[in-house]
Amino acid sequence: MTIADSGSRVNDAYDWLLAEITGFRLRSGAALSENRIASQLGISRTPVREALQRLEKEGLVKRTDSARFAVSQLSVAEVNDACDLLQVLDTYICVKAASKLDEHDIQRLHENIETMKAAAEAGDRTSWASADLAFHRIVNTIAGNQLVAETVKETRRRVQRFWIRGSSTQGRLLECSREHEALTAAMVAKDYAAIGPAVEEHIDHMRQRMIDMFEAAALILGED
């Protein structure tokens, strides 16, 4: 594989590494040689290093004691920890946002849900992921707690890469779109008692899908 477009070398290296990691072709703890990756992709070490640094910020790559990069995939325990945190913080954010919603906010949320559903109907995982990101950005902005929003963003970014890649089927995207729609309806109605269960249902589905992925990968790779 050779990356010809110099303007997109970092992004292409990032996308390739992300696919290798989330596709479990690079196993947890695997060393990541900048020279070897650069040679494989037909580029210099600089864009590879920048791509690795981006992945490090997202928690998918870590530095070893020798300051080199290695894969840092999530364990089932880490998935559960992250999902527990997301459930608590997302519930807080959605309740806070619901208390502040105005007509413009409601319109934006409804338009976002329609975009999400259309992407799901088309089986367009990339567009669906963009709509999902926009949904959470809208809700976080309305809620107005920057510290919580940043914590949620970092946690979600780490786990959702796996979930999105493993939930590309039209049926699952549609199901998840309906979960967002139900959550939006509860927020618009200011039905605070319904927000928590709606968040819990969504997070639990994400949690189970990722755990299923990890367990399937363990069987394929012969891990205990």
Foldseek 3Di string as FASTA:
>chain_A
DEDDDPVCLLVVLLVVVLCCQLVCVAPAFAFDDLVVSCVVHVHHSVSNVVSLVVVVLLVQWDADPVRGIGGHADDLVLLVVLLVLLLVLVLVLLLLLLVQDDPVLLVVLVVLLVQLLVCLQVLNLVSNVVSVVVNLVSSNVSSPDVVSSVVNVSSCSNQVSNLSVQQSHSVSSNVLSVLSVQLSVCSPVSVSVVNSVSSVVNSVVSSVSNVVVVVVSCVVVVHD
